[in-house]
Amino acid sequence: MAKKRLGLRQVKLIVIKLMLSLFLISVAWVLVYRWIAPPVTLHMIQRRAEAGAAGKENPGIKYKFVSLEEMSEQLPLAVIASEDQKFLQHSGFDFDAISDAFKRNRKGGKIRGGSTISQQVAKNVFLWHGRSYLRKAVEAYFTVLIEVLWGKQRILEVYLNIAEMGDGVFGVEAASQEYFKKPAKEVGRQQSALLAAVLPNPIRFSAKNPSGYVYTRRVRIARAMGRLGGSNYIKEILPQTDEE
């Protein structure tokens, strides 16, 4: 009996050490990306592998990380207006949107998500894509971590850099250069709204050759940007310049 009890204690100790190690590794991983630009994300690796499997000759990705200071203020405003209008108010989860998506999905038809920008960053930077309960649980965990350790400004900055905005085109700088032949700093409201319009499905929708649906979304997003109050809506999380 003593040996059995000792064995159980050893197993419990191993489990505790394993969980503690995973916790410390995840915290360290998140903290590193608080200060250092992700050189690549798991989603980028996955997309490159898919392109290679599809037989593309050059399955590379286009990605250049830039700071918020190097972006037009219209870009963060556009993605908030399009993807997560409660971004500044919630703590990582929009429970009203999640509840609404759950109700709509129960009725069948097209699957709708209720993910916030924070959840999308957690998923695309740290995790694999999938629909398992385990992945969603880990996504929620990383969402809490980045909300606590990064803050809204860094979350938004990373999102604008790692969001896929075309087939193998990641982030606003690569997308601006690819579609508008200009840096992200020079992109205006309509072009920012156009990039945000393709975010739900950047493989199906194109900012280079927009469909009527994409144009319609662009108009709606541009109007939403105005209703939010323009760039003043996000002033509190934009970097402060010396002039200010």
Protein backbone atom coordinates (compact mmCIF):
# COMPACT_ATOMS: atom_id res chain seq x y z
CA MET A 1 0.00 0.00 0.00
CA ALA A 2 2.85 2.36 0.86
CA LYS A 3 4.39 1.83 -2.56
CA LYS A 4 1.07 2.52 -4.26
CA ARG A 5 0.55 5.73 -2.30
CA LEU A 6 4.10 6.78 -3.12
CA GLY A 7 3.44 6.07 -6.77
CA LEU A 8 0.32 8.23 -6.78
CA ARG A 9 2.16 11.05 -5.08
CA GLN A 10 4.91 10.82 -7.68
CA VAL A 11 2.38 10.96 -10.50
CA LYS A 12 0.68 13.98 -8.95
CA LEU A 13 4.06 15.67 -8.52
CA ILE A 14 4.97 15.02 -12.15
CA VAL A 15 1.63 16.41 -13.32
CA ILE A 16 2.04 19.52 -11.16
CA LYS A 17 5.59 20.09 -12.43
CA LEU A 18 4.45 19.60 -16.02
CA MET A 19 1.59 22.07 -15.65
CA LEU A 20 3.84 24.60 -13.93
CA SER A 21 6.45 24.23 -16.68
CA LEU A 22 3.85 24.73 -19.41
CA PHE A 23 2.52 27.79 -17.59
CA LEU A 24 5.97 29.35 -17.24
CA ILE A 25 6.86 28.59 -20.87
CA SER A 26 3.61 30.14 -22.13
CA VAL A 27 4.11 33.27 -20.01
CA ALA A 28 7.70 33.61 -21.23
CA TRP A 29 6.57 33.12 -24.84
CA VAL A 30 3.93 35.83 -24.53
CA LEU A 31 6.35 38.20 -22.79
CA VAL A 32 8.94 37.79 -25.53
CA TYR A 33 6.39 38.84 -28.15
CA ARG A 34 5.41 41.79 -25.97
CA TRP A 35 8.70 43.38 -26.96
CA ILE A 36 9.87 41.48 -30.03
CA ALA A 37 8.03 41.14 -33.35
CA PRO A 38 7.02 37.53 -34.09
CA PRO A 39 9.40 36.37 -36.85
CA VAL A 40 6.68 34.02 -38.05
CA THR A 41 3.40 32.62 -36.73
CA LEU A 42 2.03 29.10 -36.69
CA HIS A 43 -0.70 30.23 -39.06
CA MET A 44 1.90 31.49 -41.57
CA ILE A 45 3.72 28.17 -41.38
CA GLN A 46 0.44 26.32 -41.91
CA ARG A 47 -0.50 28.48 -44.91
CA ARG A 48 2.92 27.98 -46.49
CA ALA A 49 2.63 24.21 -46.05
CA GLU A 50 -0.84 24.27 -47.63
CA ALA A 51 0.45 26.26 -50.59
CA GLY A 52 3.32 23.83 -51.06
CA ALA A 53 0.96 20.86 -50.90
CA ALA A 54 -1.24 22.54 -53.53
CA GLY A 55 1.74 22.56 -55.90
CA LYS A 56 2.58 26.25 -55.92
CA GLU A 57 6.06 26.90 -57.26
CA ASN A 58 6.86 29.62 -54.72
CA PRO A 59 4.77 29.02 -51.60
CA GLY A 60 6.39 31.86 -49.69
CA ILE A 61 4.67 34.47 -47.57
CA LYS A 62 4.83 38.27 -47.65
CA TYR A 63 5.23 39.71 -44.18
CA LYS A 64 6.88 42.78 -42.69
CA PHE A 65 6.25 43.84 -39.12
CA VAL A 66 5.84 47.59 -38.59
CA SER A 67 4.94 49.58 -35.49
CA LEU A 68 1.70 51.50 -35.02
CA GLU A 69 3.68 54.68 -35.58
CA GLU A 70 4.45 53.41 -39.09
CA MET A 71 0.79 52.90 -39.95
CA SER A 72 -1.97 55.26 -40.95
CA GLU A 73 -4.42 55.82 -38.07
CA GLN A 74 -7.14 54.72 -40.48
CA LEU A 75 -5.88 51.11 -40.43
CA PRO A 76 -6.46 50.29 -36.74
CA LEU A 77 -9.75 52.18 -36.91
CA ALA A 78 -10.87 50.13 -39.92
CA VAL A 79 -10.19 46.73 -38.36
CA ILE A 80 -11.92 47.74 -35.13
CA ALA A 81 -14.94 49.02 -37.07
CA SER A 82 -15.01 45.81 -39.10
CA GLU A 83 -13.99 43.08 -36.66
CA ASP A 84 -14.51 44.18 -33.07
CA GLN A 85 -16.21 47.48 -32.27
CA LYS A 86 -16.11 46.71 -28.53
CA PHE A 87 -12.35 46.12 -28.59
CA LEU A 88 -11.61 49.04 -26.26
CA GLN A 89 -14.30 48.02 -23.77
CA HIS A 90 -14.01 44.24 -23.38
CA SER A 91 -11.33 42.23 -21.58
CA GLY A 92 -10.69 39.83 -24.43
CA PHE A 93 -14.15 38.32 -24.94
CA ASP A 94 -17.34 39.81 -26.34
CA PHE A 95 -19.91 37.56 -24.68
CA ASP A 96 -22.83 39.19 -26.51
CA ALA A 97 -21.19 38.39 -29.87
CA ILE A 98 -20.39 34.84 -28.73
CA SER A 99 -23.97 34.29 -27.63
CA ASP A 100 -25.33 35.71 -30.89
CA ALA A 101 -22.99 33.50 -32.96
CA PHE A 102 -24.03 30.43 -30.95
CA LYS A 103 -27.72 31.13 -31.55
CA ARG A 104 -27.21 31.70 -35.28
CA ASN A 105 -25.08 28.57 -35.66
CA ARG A 106 -27.73 26.43 -33.95
CA LYS A 107 -30.14 27.42 -36.72
CA GLY A 108 -27.78 25.89 -39.27
CA GLY A 109 -26.35 27.34 -42.44
CA LYS A 110 -23.15 29.35 -42.58
CA ILE A 111 -20.99 29.07 -39.46
CA ARG A 112 -20.47 32.43 -37.78
CA GLY A 113 -17.78 33.30 -35.26
CA GLY A 114 -17.84 35.63 -32.30
CA SER A 115 -14.10 36.03 -31.89
CA THR A 116 -12.64 39.34 -30.77
CA ILE A 117 -9.41 40.81 -32.12
CA SER A 118 -7.69 39.55 -28.96
CA GLN A 119 -8.91 35.99 -29.59
CA GLN A 120 -7.79 36.14 -33.21
CA VAL A 121 -4.31 37.23 -32.15
CA ALA A 122 -4.11 34.40 -29.60
CA LYS A 123 -5.22 31.90 -32.24
CA ASN A 124 -3.05 33.08 -35.12
CA VAL A 125 0.16 33.76 -33.18
CA PHE A 126 0.28 30.91 -30.68
CA LEU A 127 -2.03 28.13 -31.90
CA TRP A 128 -3.05 25.84 -34.69
CA HIS A 129 -6.35 26.33 -36.53
CA GLY A 130 -9.18 23.97 -35.73
CA ARG A 131 -12.55 23.67 -34.03
CA SER A 132 -11.84 21.33 -31.12
CA TYR A 133 -12.84 22.23 -27.57
CA LEU A 134 -9.23 21.79 -26.48
CA ARG A 135 -7.99 24.39 -28.97
CA LYS A 136 -10.73 26.83 -27.96
CA ALA A 137 -9.79 26.38 -24.31
CA VAL A 138 -6.13 27.05 -25.01
CA GLU A 139 -7.14 30.03 -27.16
CA ALA A 140 -9.09 31.46 -24.21
CA TYR A 141 -6.06 30.96 -21.97
CA PHE A 142 -3.72 32.81 -24.35
CA THR A 143 -6.34 35.53 -24.82
CA VAL A 144 -6.30 36.22 -21.08
CA LEU A 145 -2.49 36.20 -21.08
CA ILE A 146 -2.10 38.78 -23.85
CA GLU A 147 -4.81 41.01 -22.39
CA VAL A 148 -2.94 41.03 -19.07
CA LEU A 149 0.67 41.07 -20.31
CA TRP A 150 0.39 43.06 -23.55
CA GLY A 151 -2.48 45.52 -23.28
CA LYS A 152 -4.73 46.81 -26.04
CA GLN A 153 -2.11 48.80 -27.94
CA ARG A 154 0.23 45.83 -28.44
CA ILE A 155 -2.62 43.45 -29.23
CA LEU A 156 -3.87 45.77 -31.97
CA GLU A 157 -0.35 46.32 -33.31
CA VAL A 158 0.31 42.59 -33.56
CA TYR A 159 -3.08 41.92 -35.12
CA LEU A 160 -2.49 44.49 -37.85
CA ASN A 161 0.79 42.79 -38.66
CA ILE A 162 -0.18 39.12 -38.61
CA ALA A 163 -3.71 39.18 -40.04
CA GLU A 164 -3.85 37.52 -43.46
CA MET A 165 -5.06 40.04 -46.06
CA GLY A 166 -4.58 38.00 -49.19
CA ASP A 167 -3.20 34.65 -50.31
CA GLY A 168 0.09 34.53 -48.38
CA VAL A 169 0.01 38.29 -47.68
CA PHE A 170 0.22 39.04 -43.97
CA GLY A 171 -0.14 42.40 -42.27
CA VAL A 172 -0.95 45.91 -43.37
CA GLU A 173 2.54 46.80 -44.58
CA ALA A 174 2.81 43.84 -46.95
CA ALA A 175 -0.80 44.33 -48.09
CA SER A 176 -0.36 48.08 -48.69
CA GLN A 177 2.76 47.48 -50.75
CA GLU A 178 1.16 44.59 -52.63
CA TYR A 179 -2.16 46.23 -53.50
CA PHE A 180 -1.59 49.99 -53.34
CA LYS A 181 2.17 50.29 -54.01
CA LYS A 182 2.62 52.48 -50.95
CA PRO A 183 3.62 52.03 -47.29
CA ALA A 184 0.99 51.48 -44.62
CA LYS A 185 1.66 54.98 -43.31
CA GLU A 186 0.17 56.52 -46.46
CA VAL A 187 -3.03 54.45 -46.69
CA GLY A 188 -6.28 56.42 -46.46
CA ARG A 189 -9.75 55.64 -45.15
CA GLN A 190 -11.15 53.91 -48.25
CA GLN A 191 -8.08 51.74 -48.77
CA SER A 192 -7.99 50.85 -45.07
CA ALA A 193 -11.66 49.88 -45.23
CA LEU A 194 -10.93 47.76 -48.31
CA LEU A 195 -8.22 45.79 -46.49
CA ALA A 196 -10.56 45.27 -43.54
CA ALA A 197 -13.31 44.12 -45.91
CA VAL A 198 -11.39 40.99 -46.95
CA LEU A 199 -10.51 39.86 -43.41
CA PRO A 200 -13.38 37.38 -42.99
CA ASN A 201 -11.94 35.28 -45.82
CA PRO A 202 -8.74 36.66 -47.41
CA ILE A 203 -8.46 33.67 -49.74
CA ARG A 204 -11.94 34.04 -51.18
CA PHE A 205 -12.09 37.84 -51.13
CA SER A 206 -9.50 40.05 -52.81
CA ALA A 207 -8.37 43.62 -52.20
CA LYS A 208 -6.56 43.54 -55.54
CA ASN A 209 -9.61 42.55 -57.58
CA PRO A 210 -12.56 43.39 -55.29
CA SER A 211 -15.92 41.82 -55.97
CA GLY A 212 -19.19 43.69 -55.59
CA TYR A 213 -19.57 42.13 -52.15
CA VAL A 214 -16.16 43.41 -51.06
CA TYR A 215 -16.98 46.91 -52.32
CA THR A 216 -20.24 46.81 -50.37
CA ARG A 217 -18.40 45.76 -47.21
CA ARG A 218 -15.87 48.54 -47.77
CA VAL A 219 -18.64 51.13 -47.87
CA ARG A 220 -20.21 49.76 -44.69
CA ILE A 221 -16.88 49.69 -42.87
CA ALA A 222 -16.02 53.25 -43.94
CA ARG A 223 -19.40 54.42 -42.64
CA ALA A 224 -18.85 52.56 -39.36
CA MET A 225 -15.46 54.27 -39.02
CA GLY A 226 -17.23 57.62 -39.24
CA ARG A 227 -19.95 56.63 -36.78
CA LEU A 228 -17.31 55.64 -34.23
CA GLY A 229 -15.91 59.15 -34.42
CA GLY A 230 -12.96 58.63 -36.74
CA SER A 231 -9.44 58.25 -35.41
CA ASN A 232 -10.41 60.09 -32.22
CA TYR A 233 -12.14 56.86 -31.17
CA ILE A 234 -8.79 55.09 -30.81
CA LYS A 235 -6.64 58.03 -29.67
CA GLU A 236 -6.20 56.54 -26.20
CA ILE A 237 -4.34 53.51 -27.51
CA LEU A 238 -2.41 55.16 -30.32
CA PRO A 239 1.25 55.99 -29.63
CA GLN A 240 1.73 59.55 -28.40
CA THR A 241 3.94 61.69 -30.60
CA ASP A 242 6.34 64.38 -29.41
CA GLU A 243 4.06 67.02 -30.92
CA GLU A 244 1.24 65.94 -28.63
